[in-house]
Amino acid sequence: MFKNNTFLTDTRITGLLYLGLAVTGIFVFIFAKGAVYVSGDALATNSHLLEKEMLARVGVAVELLMVAFQALVALWFYKLFSRVNSFASVTILAFGMVNAIMILVSSALWLGALTAAIAGESVAIVYNLFNLHELIWLVAHLFFGLWLVPIGYLFGQVMKSKVLAKLLYIGGVGYLLSALVLILLPDQITLDGILTMPATIGEFWVIGYLLSRPHLGTKNS
């Protein structure tokens, strides 16, 4: 049986950790990485890294925090749902941890690009290191999409939120498709944004649900 107070506490912790993941991800993607990386322009990327060194360093640090939030929220999802559905909770844990490891590697490449730029290495080396960072983020779409599917299942079956479950399913498939689109049609940035939008909406819905209505939809086990 769930102990209600424990469940409420774990639910809110999961929501706060997921919120941390979302906030750090937004900062890295929009404010830090967007300010230093110019796709297809090695010279501009190198110059931005040197001119905005502190922002680049903050970006790496926040990306590491994002990795920590990803790992912790995966663990807390497992803790929250393992007694309800062990298979779904294990898949959330596994996909979340793989995604965290991939982004951790990408953080090392970002730091490597910055270090190379400061050391005066060739523009090509600096750009290739940062571009590898971007490519890892791209292929990591696979596991982030997979991560959303069992979360959707649990919110549909346990939390009784069918609409949210369907939105997360669509978001998960959208992330998988976005990776394929950007590999096959790298210029289709707008389509990528459309494909990943349901996931973004679904994730913030999950965060709001966990923080504001943790007492609803639970099952005894």
Foldseek 3Di string as FASTA:
>chain_A
DDDLVVLLVLLLVLLVLLVLLVVLVCCLPPPQCVQQDDPPDLVSNLVSCVVPVVSLVVSLVSLLVNLVSLQVSLVSLCVNCCVPPVVLSVLLNVLSNVLSVLLNVLSVLSVVLSVCSVVVHDSVSSNVSNVVSVLSVLVNLLSVLSNLQSVLVCCCQQQVPPVLSVLSPQLSVLSVVLSVCCVVPVVPPVSNCVSNVSNVVSSVVSSCCSNPPSNGRHDDD
